[in-house]
Amino acid sequence: QVQLVESGGGLVQAGGSLRLSCAAPASGRTFSMYDMGWFRQAPGKEREFVAQISWSGSSTHYTDSVKGRFTISRSNVYSMVYLQMNSLKAEDTAVYYCAAKPRGSWMDQTAATFGSWGQGTQVTVSS
């Protein structure tokens, strides 16, 4: 498992942008052993997949509702993952979680395949 710490959440108006960051401070060179993902959970709803990025950064995958608006990226040098969120909508309001899974389960984006989770950061989009 890897320790993950999210930051960058906040309150933004609809149409605005936010950049979430996820640090893996104690991972060192093992960070590149993990595919990384972002999930979100709105009040009264189940946690849902948002995006994932492969260990090398060469492959990404997004849920349909954020395609063209969100961009996931990573730096293995600094053990960081980012989620750039543009054209935010009220329905993007949720707690956003960073997650890590070992290489080898790329096609499975379910939360169960991600063994490490951050504490979450709140994103609120006002309409």
Foldseek 3Di string as FASTA:
>chain_A
DFAKAKDWADEEAAQAKTKMKIARVPCQLVLLQKKKFKWWDDPPGDIGGAKIAHSVRPDMDGDPVQPPFWDWGDDSVRRMIMIIGGNDDQVVWTWMKMFIAGPDPVVDRDPVRTDYIYPTDTHGYHD
